[in-house]
Amino acid sequence: MADSVQVSSERLTSLVERIENLEEQRSAINADIREVLAEAKSAGFDTRIVRQIVRLRKMEPYDREEQEHLLEVYRNAVGV
């Protein structure tokens, strides 16, 4: 039983260290994204729109078209 506890402890430590490493990488990537957005802003682009374009590009074409259609229906319904 002591061996299985040791193995589990080593495995758990390994998993925790991997998660910590990934969180560090995520922090670095988020900093890089903020830097690019700052560059876009200094070039005169609206960063909210840039973020929205990124979200739209991630979507499947059908889902994007459906969202755009619903947005148009809702706009018409409220007179916008």
C-alpha atoms as a PDB file:
ATOM      1  CA  MET A   1       0.000   0.000   0.000  1.00  0.00           C
ATOM      2  CA  ALA A   2       2.834   2.403   0.745  1.00  0.00           C
ATOM      3  CA  ASP A   3       4.123   1.944  -2.824  1.00  0.00           C
ATOM      4  CA  SER A   4       0.757   2.840  -4.319  1.00  0.00           C
ATOM      5  CA  VAL A   5       0.614   5.965  -2.147  1.00  0.00           C
ATOM      6  CA  GLN A   6       4.100   6.949  -3.334  1.00  0.00           C
ATOM      7  CA  VAL A   7       3.181   6.365  -6.972  1.00  0.00           C
ATOM      8  CA  SER A   8      -0.042   8.325  -6.546  1.00  0.00           C
ATOM      9  CA  SER A   9       1.881  11.130  -4.865  1.00  0.00           C
ATOM     10  CA  GLU A  10       4.394  11.261  -7.710  1.00  0.00           C
ATOM     11  CA  ARG A  11       1.614  11.199 -10.296  1.00  0.00           C
ATOM     12  CA  LEU A  12      -0.279  13.944  -8.486  1.00  0.00           C
ATOM     13  CA  THR A  13       2.854  16.072  -8.221  1.00  0.00           C
ATOM     14  CA  SER A  14       3.469  15.594 -11.931  1.00  0.00           C
ATOM     15  CA  LEU A  15      -0.083  16.637 -12.796  1.00  0.00           C
ATOM     16  CA  VAL A  16       0.064  19.701 -10.544  1.00  0.00           C
ATOM     17  CA  GLU A  17       3.381  20.782 -12.063  1.00  0.00           C
ATOM     18  CA  ARG A  18       1.977  20.383 -15.583  1.00  0.00           C
ATOM     19  CA  ILE A  19      -1.042  22.510 -14.673  1.00  0.00           C
ATOM     20  CA  GLU A  20       1.209  25.177 -13.167  1.00  0.00           C
ATOM     21  CA  ASN A  21       3.328  25.191 -16.322  1.00  0.00           C
ATOM     22  CA  LEU A  22       0.251  25.535 -18.529  1.00  0.00           C
ATOM     23  CA  GLU A  23      -1.070  28.380 -16.379  1.00  0.00           C
ATOM     24  CA  GLU A  24       2.253  30.198 -16.780  1.00  0.00           C
ATOM     25  CA  GLN A  25       2.056  29.691 -20.535  1.00  0.00           C
ATOM     26  CA  ARG A  26      -1.533  30.960 -20.549  1.00  0.00           C
ATOM     27  CA  SER A  27      -0.461  34.074 -18.641  1.00  0.00           C
ATOM     28  CA  ALA A  28       2.305  34.700 -21.161  1.00  0.00           C
ATOM     29  CA  ILE A  29      -0.083  34.204 -24.081  1.00  0.00           C
ATOM     30  CA  ASN A  30      -2.643  36.553 -22.506  1.00  0.00           C
ATOM     31  CA  ALA A  31       0.079  39.174 -22.119  1.00  0.00           C
ATOM     32  CA  ASP A  32       0.995  38.703 -25.793  1.00  0.00           C
ATOM     33  CA  ILE A  33      -2.652  39.136 -26.801  1.00  0.00           C
ATOM     34  CA  ARG A  34      -2.917  42.342 -24.750  1.00  0.00           C
ATOM     35  CA  GLU A  35       0.225  43.605 -26.483  1.00  0.00           C
ATOM     36  CA  VAL A  36      -1.212  42.915 -29.942  1.00  0.00           C
ATOM     37  CA  LEU A  37      -4.487  44.589 -28.974  1.00  0.00           C
ATOM     38  CA  ALA A  38      -2.551  47.628 -27.748  1.00  0.00           C
ATOM     39  CA  GLU A  39      -0.769  47.698 -31.093  1.00  0.00           C
ATOM     40  CA  ALA A  40      -4.124  47.523 -32.885  1.00  0.00           C
ATOM     41  CA  LYS A  41      -5.447  50.356 -30.736  1.00  0.00           C
ATOM     42  CA  SER A  42      -2.415  52.523 -31.445  1.00  0.00           C
ATOM     43  CA  ALA A  43      -2.971  51.858 -35.152  1.00  0.00           C
ATOM     44  CA  GLY A  44      -6.482  53.298 -34.787  1.00  0.00           C
ATOM     45  CA  PHE A  45      -8.514  50.079 -34.651  1.00  0.00           C
ATOM     46  CA  ASP A  46     -11.379  49.587 -32.222  1.00  0.00           C
ATOM     47  CA  THR A  47     -10.212  46.679 -30.050  1.00  0.00           C
ATOM     48  CA  ARG A  48     -13.767  45.631 -29.153  1.00  0.00           C
ATOM     49  CA  ILE A  49     -14.449  45.099 -32.837  1.00  0.00           C
ATOM     50  CA  VAL A  50     -11.133  43.304 -33.333  1.00  0.00           C
ATOM     51  CA  ARG A  51     -12.059  40.909 -30.506  1.00  0.00           C
ATOM     52  CA  GLN A  52     -15.487  40.392 -32.053  1.00  0.00           C
ATOM     53  CA  ILE A  53     -13.924  39.583 -35.437  1.00  0.00           C
ATOM     54  CA  VAL A  54     -11.672  37.012 -33.746  1.00  0.00           C
ATOM     55  CA  ARG A  55     -14.735  35.391 -32.114  1.00  0.00           C
ATOM     56  CA  LEU A  56     -16.619  35.364 -35.415  1.00  0.00           C
ATOM     57  CA  ARG A  57     -13.691  33.769 -37.253  1.00  0.00           C
ATOM     58  CA  LYS A  58     -13.658  30.940 -34.694  1.00  0.00           C
ATOM     59  CA  MET A  59     -17.285  30.108 -35.455  1.00  0.00           C
ATOM     60  CA  GLU A  60     -18.457  27.679 -38.078  1.00  0.00           C
ATOM     61  CA  PRO A  61     -19.907  29.496 -41.106  1.00  0.00           C
ATOM     62  CA  TYR A  62     -23.405  28.097 -40.496  1.00  0.00           C
ATOM     63  CA  ASP A  63     -23.395  29.189 -36.844  1.00  0.00           C
ATOM     64  CA  ARG A  64     -22.123  32.642 -37.805  1.00  0.00           C
ATOM     65  CA  GLU A  65     -24.831  33.041 -40.469  1.00  0.00           C
ATOM     66  CA  GLU A  66     -27.505  31.902 -38.027  1.00  0.00           C
ATOM     67  CA  GLN A  67     -26.296  34.403 -35.421  1.00  0.00           C
ATOM     68  CA  GLU A  68     -26.232  37.229 -37.976  1.00  0.00           C
ATOM     69  CA  HIS A  69     -29.741  36.320 -39.149  1.00  0.00           C
ATOM     70  CA  LEU A  70     -31.108  36.283 -35.597  1.00  0.00           C
ATOM     71  CA  LEU A  71     -29.413  39.579 -34.846  1.00  0.00           C
ATOM     72  CA  GLU A  72     -31.086  41.106 -37.901  1.00  0.00           C
ATOM     73  CA  VAL A  73     -34.496  39.688 -36.860  1.00  0.00           C
ATOM     74  CA  TYR A  74     -34.072  41.105 -33.357  1.00  0.00           C
ATOM     75  CA  ARG A  75     -32.932  44.482 -34.696  1.00  0.00           C
ATOM     76  CA  ASN A  76     -36.002  44.688 -36.886  1.00  0.00           C
ATOM     77  CA  ALA A  77     -38.241  43.682 -33.990  1.00  0.00           C
ATOM     78  CA  VAL A  78     -37.008  46.547 -31.811  1.00  0.00           C
ATOM     79  CA  GLY A  79     -36.651  49.062 -34.632  1.00  0.00           C
ATOM     80  CA  VAL A  80     -32.881  49.357 -34.651  1.00  0.00           C
END
